Amino acid sequence: DFLPTMAEKLGGQDFMAELCNGFRLLEDPQLGVITLESLR
């Protein structure tokens, strides 16, 4: 579990931005959501 360390080092806004970056890595770009297929 690295999330608390990330949050502490980045601060709230930057941490949320990093979570959003993680979302974009896994999402289906056409649908804008993470599906089983995009996750796979």
Full PDB file with SEQRES, HELIX, SHEET, SSBOND, CRYST1, ORIGX, SCALE, CONECT and MASTER records, all heavy atoms in Angstrom:
SEQRES   1 A   40  ASP PHE LEU PRO THR MET ALA GLU LYS LEU GLY GLY GLN          
SEQRES   2 A   40  ASP PHE MET ALA GLU LEU CYS ASN GLY PHE ARG LEU LEU          
SEQRES   3 A   40  GLU ASP PRO GLN LEU GLY VAL ILE THR LEU GLU SER LEU          
SEQRES   4 A   40  ARG                                                          
HELIX    1 AA1 LEU A    3  LEU A   10  1                                   8    
HELIX    2 AA2 GLY A   12  LEU A   26  1                                  15    
HELIX    3 AA3 LEU A   36  LEU A   39  1                                   4    
CRYST1    1.000    1.000    1.000  90.00  90.00  90.00 P 1           1          
ORIGX1      1.000000  0.000000  0.000000        0.00000                         
ORIGX2      0.000000  1.000000  0.000000        0.00000                         
ORIGX3      0.000000  0.000000  1.000000        0.00000                         
SCALE1      1.000000  0.000000  0.000000        0.00000                         
SCALE2      0.000000  1.000000  0.000000        0.00000                         
SCALE3      0.000000  0.000000  1.000000        0.00000                         
ATOM      1  N   ASP A   1       0.828  -1.198   0.000  1.00  0.00           N  
ATOM      2  CA  ASP A   1       0.000   0.000   0.000  1.00  0.00           C  
ATOM      3  C   ASP A   1       0.870   1.260   0.000  1.00  0.00           C  
ATOM      4  O   ASP A   1       1.364   1.678   1.038  1.00  0.00           O  
ATOM      5  CB  ASP A   1      -0.917  -0.033   1.228  1.00  0.00           C  
ATOM      6  CG  ASP A   1      -1.934   1.073   1.236  1.00  0.00           C  
ATOM      7  OD1 ASP A   1      -2.041   1.795   0.231  1.00  0.00           O  
ATOM      8  OD2 ASP A   1      -2.633   1.215   2.249  1.00  0.00           O  
ATOM      9  N   PHE A   2       1.060   1.852  -1.185  1.00  0.00           N  
ATOM     10  CA  PHE A   2       1.858   3.068  -1.308  1.00  0.00           C  
ATOM     11  C   PHE A   2       1.011   4.336  -1.339  1.00  0.00           C  
ATOM     12  O   PHE A   2       1.556   5.444  -1.357  1.00  0.00           O  
ATOM     13  CB  PHE A   2       2.698   3.025  -2.597  1.00  0.00           C  
ATOM     14  CG  PHE A   2       3.804   2.014  -2.556  1.00  0.00           C  
ATOM     15  CD1 PHE A   2       3.760   0.885  -3.366  1.00  0.00           C  
ATOM     16  CD2 PHE A   2       4.894   2.178  -1.725  1.00  0.00           C  
ATOM     17  CE1 PHE A   2       4.775  -0.047  -3.343  1.00  0.00           C  
ATOM     18  CE2 PHE A   2       5.923   1.251  -1.688  1.00  0.00           C  
ATOM     19  CZ  PHE A   2       5.865   0.138  -2.500  1.00  0.00           C  
ATOM     20  N   LEU A   3      -0.305   4.217  -1.353  1.00  0.00           N  
ATOM     21  CA  LEU A   3      -1.158   5.406  -1.487  1.00  0.00           C  
ATOM     22  C   LEU A   3      -0.949   6.431  -0.379  1.00  0.00           C  
ATOM     23  O   LEU A   3      -0.824   7.626  -0.671  1.00  0.00           O  
ATOM     24  CB  LEU A   3      -2.630   5.007  -1.582  1.00  0.00           C  
ATOM     25  CG  LEU A   3      -3.073   4.381  -2.899  1.00  0.00           C  
ATOM     26  CD1 LEU A   3      -4.567   4.135  -2.891  1.00  0.00           C  
ATOM     27  CD2 LEU A   3      -2.697   5.224  -4.086  1.00  0.00           C  
ATOM     28  N   PRO A   4      -0.898   6.031   0.892  1.00  0.00           N  
ATOM     29  CA  PRO A   4      -0.692   7.050   1.937  1.00  0.00           C  
ATOM     30  C   PRO A   4       0.637   7.791   1.788  1.00  0.00           C  
ATOM     31  O   PRO A   4       0.696   9.004   1.984  1.00  0.00           O  
ATOM     32  CB  PRO A   4      -0.739   6.247   3.236  1.00  0.00           C  
ATOM     33  CG  PRO A   4      -1.547   5.046   2.899  1.00  0.00           C  
ATOM     34  CD  PRO A   4      -1.186   4.727   1.467  1.00  0.00           C  
ATOM     35  N   THR A   5       1.681   7.086   1.409  1.00  0.00           N  
ATOM     36  CA  THR A   5       2.986   7.722   1.205  1.00  0.00           C  
ATOM     37  C   THR A   5       2.909   8.713   0.059  1.00  0.00           C  
ATOM     38  O   THR A   5       3.420   9.838   0.158  1.00  0.00           O  
ATOM     39  CB  THR A   5       4.072   6.662   0.923  1.00  0.00           C  
ATOM     40  OG1 THR A   5       4.097   5.733   2.006  1.00  0.00           O  
ATOM     41  CG2 THR A   5       5.425   7.283   0.757  1.00  0.00           C  
ATOM     42  N   MET A   6       2.262   8.309  -1.029  1.00  0.00           N  
ATOM     43  CA  MET A   6       2.088   9.213  -2.168  1.00  0.00           C  
ATOM     44  C   MET A   6       1.305  10.453  -1.758  1.00  0.00           C  
ATOM     45  O   MET A   6       1.679  11.575  -2.106  1.00  0.00           O  
ATOM     46  CB  MET A   6       1.341   8.506  -3.305  1.00  0.00           C  
ATOM     47  CG  MET A   6       2.142   7.516  -4.081  1.00  0.00           C  
ATOM     48  SD  MET A   6       1.133   6.671  -5.333  1.00  0.00           S  
ATOM     49  CE  MET A   6       0.507   8.037  -6.297  1.00  0.00           C  
ATOM     50  N   ALA A   7       0.218  10.250  -1.036  1.00  0.00           N  
ATOM     51  CA  ALA A   7      -0.632  11.371  -0.635  1.00  0.00           C  
ATOM     52  C   ALA A   7       0.128  12.338   0.258  1.00  0.00           C  
ATOM     53  O   ALA A   7       0.013  13.565   0.105  1.00  0.00           O  
ATOM     54  CB  ALA A   7      -1.874  10.857   0.085  1.00  0.00           C  
ATOM     55  N   GLU A   8       0.915  11.802   1.163  1.00  0.00           N  
ATOM     56  CA  GLU A   8       1.671  12.649   2.071  1.00  0.00           C  
ATOM     57  C   GLU A   8       2.729  13.458   1.319  1.00  0.00           C  
ATOM     58  O   GLU A   8       2.912  14.638   1.565  1.00  0.00           O  
ATOM     59  CB  GLU A   8       2.331  11.781   3.140  1.00  0.00           C  
ATOM     60  CG  GLU A   8       2.611  12.534   4.409  1.00  0.00           C  
ATOM     61  CD  GLU A   8       2.889  11.608   5.564  1.00  0.00           C  
ATOM     62  OE1 GLU A   8       2.150  10.624   5.746  1.00  0.00           O  
ATOM     63  OE2 GLU A   8       3.867  11.868   6.271  1.00  0.00           O  
ATOM     64  N   LYS A   9       3.404  12.835   0.377  1.00  0.00           N  
ATOM     65  CA  LYS A   9       4.467  13.520  -0.368  1.00  0.00           C  
ATOM     66  C   LYS A   9       3.909  14.512  -1.380  1.00  0.00           C  
ATOM     67  O   LYS A   9       4.492  15.568  -1.600  1.00  0.00           O  
ATOM     68  CB  LYS A   9       5.360  12.503  -1.079  1.00  0.00           C  
ATOM     69  CG  LYS A   9       6.239  11.742  -0.118  1.00  0.00           C  
ATOM     70  CD  LYS A   9       7.204  10.852  -0.837  1.00  0.00           C  
ATOM     71  CE  LYS A   9       7.986  10.099   0.213  1.00  0.00           C  
ATOM     72  NZ  LYS A   9       9.324   9.813  -0.148  1.00  0.00           N  
ATOM     73  N   LEU A  10       2.783  14.169  -2.004  1.00  0.00           N  
ATOM     74  CA  LEU A  10       2.247  15.010  -3.074  1.00  0.00           C  
ATOM     75  C   LEU A  10       1.300  16.099  -2.588  1.00  0.00           C  
ATOM     76  O   LEU A  10       1.131  17.112  -3.252  1.00  0.00           O  
ATOM     77  CB  LEU A  10       1.511  14.141  -4.099  1.00  0.00           C  
ATOM     78  CG  LEU A  10       2.362  13.154  -4.876  1.00  0.00           C  
ATOM     79  CD1 LEU A  10       1.472  12.253  -5.735  1.00  0.00           C  
ATOM     80  CD2 LEU A  10       3.378  13.881  -5.740  1.00  0.00           C  
ATOM     81  N   GLY A  11       0.624  15.865  -1.483  1.00  0.00           N  
ATOM     82  CA  GLY A  11      -0.435  16.776  -1.059  1.00  0.00           C  
ATOM     83  C   GLY A  11      -1.743  16.368  -1.725  1.00  0.00           C  
ATOM     84  O   GLY A  11      -1.749  15.597  -2.691  1.00  0.00           O  
ATOM     85  N   GLY A  12      -2.835  16.866  -1.221  1.00  0.00           N  
ATOM     86  CA  GLY A  12      -4.162  16.434  -1.657  1.00  0.00           C  
ATOM     87  C   GLY A  12      -4.446  16.586  -3.134  1.00  0.00           C  
ATOM     88  O   GLY A  12      -4.870  15.647  -3.802  1.00  0.00           O  
ATOM     89  N   GLN A  13      -4.219  17.778  -3.679  1.00  0.00           N  
ATOM     90  CA  GLN A  13      -4.564  18.023  -5.078  1.00  0.00           C  
ATOM     91  C   GLN A  13      -3.699  17.216  -6.033  1.00  0.00           C  
ATOM     92  O   GLN A  13      -4.204  16.628  -6.995  1.00  0.00           O  
ATOM     93  CB  GLN A  13      -4.466  19.502  -5.403  1.00  0.00           C  
ATOM     94  CG  GLN A  13      -5.585  20.317  -4.792  1.00  0.00           C  
ATOM     95  CD  GLN A  13      -5.499  21.779  -5.178  1.00  0.00           C  
ATOM     96  OE1 GLN A  13      -4.423  22.311  -5.431  1.00  0.00           O  
ATOM     97  NE2 GLN A  13      -6.652  22.426  -5.219  1.00  0.00           N  
ATOM     98  N   ASP A  14      -2.400  17.192  -5.781  1.00  0.00           N  
ATOM     99  CA  ASP A  14      -1.511  16.443  -6.672  1.00  0.00           C  
ATOM    100  C   ASP A  14      -1.751  14.940  -6.555  1.00  0.00           C  
ATOM    101  O   ASP A  14      -1.638  14.211  -7.539  1.00  0.00           O  
ATOM    102  CB  ASP A  14      -0.043  16.776  -6.386  1.00  0.00           C  
ATOM    103  CG  ASP A  14       0.328  18.187  -6.828  1.00  0.00           C  
ATOM    104  OD1 ASP A  14      -0.389  18.755  -7.675  1.00  0.00           O  
ATOM    105  OD2 ASP A  14       1.332  18.714  -6.320  1.00  0.00           O  
ATOM    106  N   PHE A  15      -2.091  14.486  -5.355  1.00  0.00           N  
ATOM    107  CA  PHE A  15      -2.403  13.070  -5.178  1.00  0.00           C  
ATOM    108  C   PHE A  15      -3.637  12.688  -5.988  1.00  0.00           C  
ATOM    109  O   PHE A  15      -3.648  11.674  -6.687  1.00  0.00           O  
ATOM    110  CB  PHE A  15      -2.618  12.749  -3.697  1.00  0.00           C  
ATOM    111  CG  PHE A  15      -3.102  11.354  -3.457  1.00  0.00           C  
ATOM    112  CD1 PHE A  15      -2.281  10.266  -3.717  1.00  0.00           C  
ATOM    113  CD2 PHE A  15      -4.380  11.122  -2.987  1.00  0.00           C  
ATOM    114  CE1 PHE A  15      -2.723   8.963  -3.502  1.00  0.00           C  
ATOM    115  CE2 PHE A  15      -4.826   9.837  -2.766  1.00  0.00           C  
ATOM    116  CZ  PHE A  15      -4.003   8.754  -3.029  1.00  0.00           C  
ATOM    117  N   MET A  16      -4.677  13.527  -5.932  1.00  0.00           N  
ATOM    118  CA  MET A  16      -5.886  13.246  -6.708  1.00  0.00           C  
ATOM    119  C   MET A  16      -5.588  13.285  -8.199  1.00  0.00           C  
ATOM    120  O   MET A  16      -6.120  12.490  -8.969  1.00  0.00           O  
ATOM    121  CB  MET A  16      -7.004  14.224  -6.342  1.00  0.00           C  
ATOM    122  CG  MET A  16      -7.574  14.012  -4.948  1.00  0.00           C  
ATOM    123  SD  MET A  16      -8.092  12.313  -4.604  1.00  0.00           S  
ATOM    124  CE  MET A  16      -9.425  12.126  -5.756  1.00  0.00           C  
ATOM    125  N   ALA A  17      -4.706  14.186  -8.609  1.00  0.00           N  
ATOM    126  CA  ALA A  17      -4.313  14.246 -10.022  1.00  0.00           C  
ATOM    127  C   ALA A  17      -3.623  12.947 -10.434  1.00  0.00           C  
ATOM    128  O   ALA A  17      -3.856  12.441 -11.541  1.00  0.00           O  
ATOM    129  CB  ALA A  17      -3.395  15.447 -10.269  1.00  0.00           C  
ATOM    130  N   GLU A  18      -2.803  12.384  -9.547  1.00  0.00           N  
ATOM    131  CA  GLU A  18      -2.137  11.117  -9.849  1.00  0.00           C  
ATOM    132  C   GLU A  18      -3.136   9.964  -9.930  1.00  0.00           C  
ATOM    133  O   GLU A  18      -3.011   9.079 -10.773  1.00  0.00           O  
ATOM    134  CB  GLU A  18      -1.048  10.802  -8.822  1.00  0.00           C  
ATOM    135  CG  GLU A  18       0.216  11.590  -9.030  1.00  0.00           C  
ATOM    136  CD  GLU A  18       0.819  11.396 -10.412  1.00  0.00           C  
ATOM    137  OE1 GLU A  18       0.999  10.244 -10.859  1.00  0.00           O  
ATOM    138  OE2 GLU A  18       1.111  12.418 -11.069  1.00  0.00           O  
ATOM    139  N   LEU A  19      -4.143   9.970  -9.047  1.00  0.00           N  
ATOM    140  CA  LEU A  19      -5.191   8.948  -9.142  1.00  0.00           C  
ATOM    141  C   LEU A  19      -5.912   9.066 -10.485  1.00  0.00           C  
ATOM    142  O   LEU A  19      -6.206   8.055 -11.127  1.00  0.00           O  
ATOM    143  CB  LEU A  19      -6.197   9.078  -7.996  1.00  0.00           C  
ATOM    144  CG  LEU A  19      -5.789   8.505  -6.651  1.00  0.00           C  
ATOM    145  CD1 LEU A  19      -6.916   8.709  -5.640  1.00  0.00           C  
ATOM    146  CD2 LEU A  19      -5.412   7.045  -6.739  1.00  0.00           C  
ATOM    147  N   CYS A  20      -6.176  10.289 -10.909  1.00  0.00           N  
ATOM    148  CA  CYS A  20      -6.839  10.503 -12.208  1.00  0.00           C  
ATOM    149  C   CYS A  20      -5.956  10.019 -13.358  1.00  0.00           C  
ATOM    150  O   CYS A  20      -6.463   9.461 -14.333  1.00  0.00           O  
ATOM    151  CB  CYS A  20      -7.198  11.971 -12.386  1.00  0.00           C  
ATOM    152  SG  CYS A  20      -8.498  12.523 -11.254  1.00  0.00           S  
ATOM    153  N   ASN A  21      -4.640  10.210 -13.233  1.00  0.00           N  
ATOM    154  CA  ASN A  21      -3.720   9.677 -14.245  1.00  0.00           C  
ATOM    155  C   ASN A  21      -3.793   8.159 -14.296  1.00  0.00           C  
ATOM    156  O   ASN A  21      -3.763   7.564 -15.374  1.00  0.00           O  
ATOM    157  CB  ASN A  21      -2.285  10.128 -13.969  1.00  0.00           C  
ATOM    158  CG  ASN A  21      -2.059  11.592 -14.258  1.00  0.00           C  
ATOM    159  OD1 ASN A  21      -2.787  12.199 -15.029  1.00  0.00           O  
ATOM    160  ND2 ASN A  21      -1.054  12.161 -13.625  1.00  0.00           N  
ATOM    161  N   GLY A  22      -3.881   7.532 -13.131  1.00  0.00           N  
ATOM    162  CA  GLY A  22      -4.026   6.075 -13.077  1.00  0.00           C  
ATOM    163  C   GLY A  22      -5.308   5.623 -13.753  1.00  0.00           C  
ATOM    164  O   GLY A  22      -5.330   4.617 -14.465  1.00  0.00           O  
ATOM    165  N   PHE A  23      -6.380   6.382 -13.530  1.00  0.00           N  
ATOM    166  CA  PHE A  23      -7.648   6.073 -14.186  1.00  0.00           C  
ATOM    167  C   PHE A  23      -7.486   6.107 -15.696  1.00  0.00           C  
ATOM    168  O   PHE A  23      -7.910   5.198 -16.406  1.00  0.00           O  
ATOM    169  CB  PHE A  23      -8.727   7.064 -13.734  1.00  0.00           C  
ATOM    170  CG  PHE A  23     -10.006   6.931 -14.496  1.00  0.00           C  
ATOM    171  CD1 PHE A  23     -10.912   5.939 -14.169  1.00  0.00           C  
ATOM    172  CD2 PHE A  23     -10.300   7.775 -15.555  1.00  0.00           C  
ATOM    173  CE1 PHE A  23     -12.103   5.789 -14.889  1.00  0.00           C  
ATOM    174  CE2 PHE A  23     -11.479   7.635 -16.270  1.00  0.00           C  
ATOM    175  CZ  PHE A  23     -12.376   6.645 -15.935  1.00  0.00           C  
ATOM    176  N   ARG A  24      -6.839   7.164 -16.203  1.00  0.00           N  
ATOM    177  CA  ARG A  24      -6.670   7.317 -17.650  1.00  0.00           C  
ATOM    178  C   ARG A  24      -5.836   6.183 -18.251  1.00  0.00           C  
ATOM    179  O   ARG A  24      -6.040   5.814 -19.404  1.00  0.00           O  
ATOM    180  CB  ARG A  24      -6.076   8.681 -17.976  1.00  0.00           C  
ATOM    181  CG  ARG A  24      -7.117   9.792 -17.859  1.00  0.00           C  
ATOM    182  CD  ARG A  24      -6.624  11.111 -18.405  1.00  0.00           C  
ATOM    183  NE  ARG A  24      -5.632  11.771 -17.567  1.00  0.00           N  
ATOM    184  CZ  ARG A  24      -5.912  12.448 -16.467  1.00  0.00           C  
ATOM    185  NH1 ARG A  24      -7.171  12.569 -16.066  1.00  0.00           N  
ATOM    186  NH2 ARG A  24      -4.962  13.018 -15.772  1.00  0.00           N  
ATOM    187  N   LEU A  25      -4.895   5.638 -17.470  1.00  0.00           N  
ATOM    188  CA  LEU A  25      -4.101   4.506 -17.958  1.00  0.00           C  
ATOM    189  C   LEU A  25      -4.961   3.267 -18.199  1.00  0.00           C  
ATOM    190  O   LEU A  25      -4.670   2.458 -19.071  1.00  0.00           O  
ATOM    191  CB  LEU A  25      -3.009   4.137 -16.954  1.00  0.00           C  
ATOM    192  CG  LEU A  25      -1.786   5.031 -16.895  1.00  0.00           C  
ATOM    193  CD1 LEU A  25      -0.898   4.603 -15.728  1.00  0.00           C  
ATOM    194  CD2 LEU A  25      -1.007   4.982 -18.194  1.00  0.00           C  
ATOM    195  N   LEU A  26      -6.018   3.121 -17.403  1.00  0.00           N  
ATOM    196  CA  LEU A  26      -6.830   1.907 -17.447  1.00  0.00           C  
ATOM    197  C   LEU A  26      -8.148   2.057 -18.208  1.00  0.00           C  
ATOM    198  O   LEU A  26      -8.788   1.060 -18.526  1.00  0.00           O  
ATOM    199  CB  LEU A  26      -7.134   1.444 -16.014  1.00  0.00           C  
ATOM    200  CG  LEU A  26      -5.919   1.072 -15.174  1.00  0.00           C  
ATOM    201  CD1 LEU A  26      -6.332   0.833 -13.728  1.00  0.00           C  
ATOM    202  CD2 LEU A  26      -5.205  -0.133 -15.752  1.00  0.00           C  
ATOM    203  N   GLU A  27      -8.543   3.269 -18.507  1.00  0.00           N  
ATOM    204  CA  GLU A  27      -9.854   3.481 -19.116  1.00  0.00           C  
ATOM    205  C   GLU A  27      -9.884   3.094 -20.594  1.00  0.00           C  
ATOM    206  O   GLU A  27      -8.865   3.039 -21.261  1.00  0.00           O  
ATOM    207  CB  GLU A  27     -10.286   4.940 -18.967  1.00  0.00           C  
ATOM    208  CG  GLU A  27      -9.596   5.872 -19.937  1.00  0.00           C  
ATOM    209  CD  GLU A  27     -10.110   7.293 -19.873  1.00  0.00           C  
ATOM    210  OE1 GLU A  27     -11.309   7.523 -19.662  1.00  0.00           O  
ATOM    211  OE2 GLU A  27      -9.274   8.197 -20.054  1.00  0.00           O  
ATOM    212  N   ASP A  28     -11.082   2.850 -21.068  1.00  0.00           N  
ATOM    213  CA  ASP A  28     -11.331   2.701 -22.497  1.00  0.00           C  
ATOM    214  C   ASP A  28     -11.472   4.128 -23.030  1.00  0.00           C  
ATOM    215  O   ASP A  28     -12.390   4.846 -22.635  1.00  0.00           O  
ATOM    216  CB  ASP A  28     -12.631   1.915 -22.717  1.00  0.00           C  
ATOM    217  CG  ASP A  28     -13.005   1.775 -24.174  1.00  0.00           C  
ATOM    218  OD1 ASP A  28     -12.970   2.790 -24.904  1.00  0.00           O  
ATOM    219  OD2 ASP A  28     -13.350   0.667 -24.586  1.00  0.00           O  
ATOM    220  N   PRO A  29     -10.562   4.577 -23.897  1.00  0.00           N  
ATOM    221  CA  PRO A  29     -10.598   5.978 -24.329  1.00  0.00           C  
ATOM    222  C   PRO A  29     -11.874   6.378 -25.069  1.00  0.00           C  
ATOM    223  O   PRO A  29     -12.291   7.529 -24.998  1.00  0.00           O  
ATOM    224  CB  PRO A  29      -9.372   6.126 -25.231  1.00  0.00           C  
ATOM    225  CG  PRO A  29      -8.844   4.764 -25.475  1.00  0.00           C  
ATOM    226  CD  PRO A  29      -9.471   3.830 -24.499  1.00  0.00           C  
ATOM    227  N   GLN A  30     -12.509   5.446 -25.762  1.00  0.00           N  
ATOM    228  CA  GLN A  30     -13.751   5.777 -26.462  1.00  0.00           C  
ATOM    229  C   GLN A  30     -14.922   5.923 -25.493  1.00  0.00           C  
ATOM    230  O   GLN A  30     -15.795   6.760 -25.686  1.00  0.00           O  
ATOM    231  CB  GLN A  30     -14.110   4.707 -27.511  1.00  0.00           C  
ATOM    232  CG  GLN A  30     -13.368   4.858 -28.822  1.00  0.00           C  
ATOM    233  CD  GLN A  30     -11.957   4.283 -28.738  1.00  0.00           C  
ATOM    234  OE1 GLN A  30     -11.716   3.302 -28.044  1.00  0.00           O  
ATOM    235  NE2 GLN A  30     -11.028   4.895 -29.444  1.00  0.00           N  
ATOM    236  N   LEU A  31     -14.955   5.102 -24.446  1.00  0.00           N  
ATOM    237  CA  LEU A  31     -16.072   5.120 -23.505  1.00  0.00           C  
ATOM    238  C   LEU A  31     -15.838   6.051 -22.317  1.00  0.00           C  
ATOM    239  O   LEU A  31     -16.787   6.474 -21.664  1.00  0.00           O  
ATOM    240  CB  LEU A  31     -16.353   3.706 -22.996  1.00  0.00           C  
ATOM    241  CG  LEU A  31     -16.727   2.666 -24.057  1.00  0.00           C  
ATOM    242  CD1 LEU A  31     -16.848   1.283 -23.425  1.00  0.00           C  
ATOM    243  CD2 LEU A  31     -18.030   3.058 -24.743  1.00  0.00           C  
ATOM    244  N   GLY A  32     -14.580   6.321 -21.995  1.00  0.00           N  
ATOM    245  CA  GLY A  32     -14.266   7.186 -20.860  1.00  0.00           C  
ATOM    246  C   GLY A  32     -14.478   6.528 -19.512  1.00  0.00           C  
ATOM    247  O   GLY A  32     -14.595   7.222 -18.501  1.00  0.00           O  
ATOM    248  N   VAL A  33     -14.534   5.199 -19.476  1.00  0.00           N  
ATOM    249  CA  VAL A  33     -14.694   4.440 -18.236  1.00  0.00           C  
ATOM    250  C   VAL A  33     -13.770   3.225 -18.277  1.00  0.00           C  
ATOM    251  O   VAL A  33     -13.270   2.845 -19.334  1.00  0.00           O  
ATOM    252  CB  VAL A  33     -16.153   3.970 -18.016  1.00  0.00           C  
ATOM    253  CG1 VAL A  33     -17.095   5.153 -17.809  1.00  0.00           C  
ATOM    254  CG2 VAL A  33     -16.632   3.095 -19.170  1.00  0.00           C  
ATOM    255  N   ILE A  34     -13.554   2.628 -17.121  1.00  0.00           N  
ATOM    256  CA  ILE A  34     -12.791   1.382 -17.045  1.00  0.00           C  
ATOM    257  C   ILE A  34     -13.780   0.228 -17.158  1.00  0.00           C  
ATOM    258  O   ILE A  34     -14.689   0.103 -16.341  1.00  0.00           O  
ATOM    259  CB  ILE A  34     -12.003   1.280 -15.731  1.00  0.00           C  
ATOM    260  CG1 ILE A  34     -10.967   2.398 -15.637  1.00  0.00           C  
ATOM    261  CG2 ILE A  34     -11.330  -0.091 -15.608  1.00  0.00           C  
ATOM    262  CD1 ILE A  34     -10.260   2.484 -14.296  1.00  0.00           C  
ATOM    263  N   THR A  35     -13.595  -0.587 -18.178  1.00  0.00           N  
ATOM    264  CA  THR A  35     -14.422  -1.778 -18.367  1.00  0.00           C  
ATOM    265  C   THR A  35     -13.551  -3.002 -18.087  1.00  0.00           C  
ATOM    266  O   THR A  35     -12.329  -2.892 -17.963  1.00  0.00           O  
ATOM    267  CB  THR A  35     -14.935  -1.858 -19.816  1.00  0.00           C  
ATOM    268  OG1 THR A  35     -13.799  -1.982 -20.690  1.00  0.00           O  
ATOM    269  CG2 THR A  35     -15.750  -0.630 -20.191  1.00  0.00           C  
ATOM    270  N   LEU A  36     -14.170  -4.156 -18.017  1.00  0.00           N  
ATOM    271  CA  LEU A  36     -13.398  -5.386 -17.857  1.00  0.00           C  
ATOM    272  C   LEU A  36     -12.400  -5.510 -18.998  1.00  0.00           C  
ATOM    273  O   LEU A  36     -11.225  -5.829 -18.774  1.00  0.00           O  
ATOM    274  CB  LEU A  36     -14.316  -6.617 -17.808  1.00  0.00           C  
ATOM    275  CG  LEU A  36     -13.600  -7.968 -17.784  1.00  0.00           C  
ATOM    276  CD1 LEU A  36     -12.689  -8.090 -16.570  1.00  0.00           C  
ATOM    277  CD2 LEU A  36     -14.603  -9.101 -17.829  1.00  0.00           C  
ATOM    278  N   GLU A  37     -12.826  -5.225 -20.206  1.00  0.00           N  
ATOM    279  CA  GLU A  37     -11.947  -5.334 -21.374  1.00  0.00           C  
ATOM    280  C   GLU A  37     -10.776  -4.357 -21.293  1.00  0.00           C  
ATOM    281  O   GLU A  37      -9.633  -4.718 -21.553  1.00  0.00           O  
ATOM    282  CB  GLU A  37     -12.739  -5.115 -22.661  1.00  0.00           C  
ATOM    283  CG  GLU A  37     -11.937  -5.327 -23.919  1.00  0.00           C  
ATOM    284  CD  GLU A  37     -11.333  -6.734 -24.058  1.00  0.00           C  
ATOM    285  OE1 GLU A  37     -11.975  -7.714 -23.652  1.00  0.00           O  
ATOM    286  OE2 GLU A  37     -10.204  -6.832 -24.574  1.00  0.00           O  
ATOM    287  N   SER A  38     -11.041  -3.102 -20.928  1.00  0.00           N  
ATOM    288  CA  SER A  38      -9.948  -2.122 -20.846  1.00  0.00           C  
ATOM    289  C   SER A  38      -9.008  -2.460 -19.692  1.00  0.00           C  
ATOM    290  O   SER A  38      -7.801  -2.266 -19.802  1.00  0.00           O  
ATOM    291  CB  SER A  38     -10.482  -0.693 -20.717  1.00  0.00           C  
ATOM    292  OG  SER A  38     -11.054  -0.445 -19.451  1.00  0.00           O  
ATOM    293  N   LEU A  39      -9.553  -2.973 -18.601  1.00  0.00           N  
ATOM    294  CA  LEU A  39      -8.722  -3.380 -17.473  1.00  0.00           C  
ATOM    295  C   LEU A  39      -7.836  -4.564 -17.872  1.00  0.00           C  
ATOM    296  O   LEU A  39      -6.645  -4.577 -17.582  1.00  0.00           O  
ATOM    297  CB  LEU A  39      -9.602  -3.744 -16.274  1.00  0.00           C  
ATOM    298  CG  LEU A  39      -8.911  -3.963 -14.945  1.00  0.00           C  
ATOM    299  CD1 LEU A  39      -8.067  -2.758 -14.538  1.00  0.00           C  
ATOM    300  CD2 LEU A  39      -9.945  -4.255 -13.864  1.00  0.00           C  
ATOM    301  N   ARG A  40      -8.414  -5.507 -18.581  1.00  0.00           N  
ATOM    302  CA  ARG A  40      -7.656  -6.672 -19.063  1.00  0.00           C  
ATOM    303  C   ARG A  40      -6.538  -6.212 -20.002  1.00  0.00           C  
ATOM    304  O   ARG A  40      -5.395  -6.624 -19.882  1.00  0.00           O  
ATOM    305  CB  ARG A  40      -8.585  -7.641 -19.787  1.00  0.00           C  
ATOM    306  CG  ARG A  40      -7.912  -8.914 -20.250  1.00  0.00           C  
ATOM    307  CD  ARG A  40      -8.837  -9.811 -21.072  1.00  0.00           C  
ATOM    308  NE  ARG A  40     -10.071 -10.144 -20.396  1.00  0.00           N  
ATOM    309  CZ  ARG A  40     -11.297  -9.904 -20.905  1.00  0.00           C  
ATOM    310  NH1 ARG A  40     -11.438  -9.349 -22.097  1.00  0.00           N  
ATOM    311  NH2 ARG A  40     -12.371 -10.243 -20.243  1.00  0.00           N  
TER     312      ARG A  40                                                      
MASTER        0    0    0    3    0    0    0    6  311    1    0    4          
END                                                                             
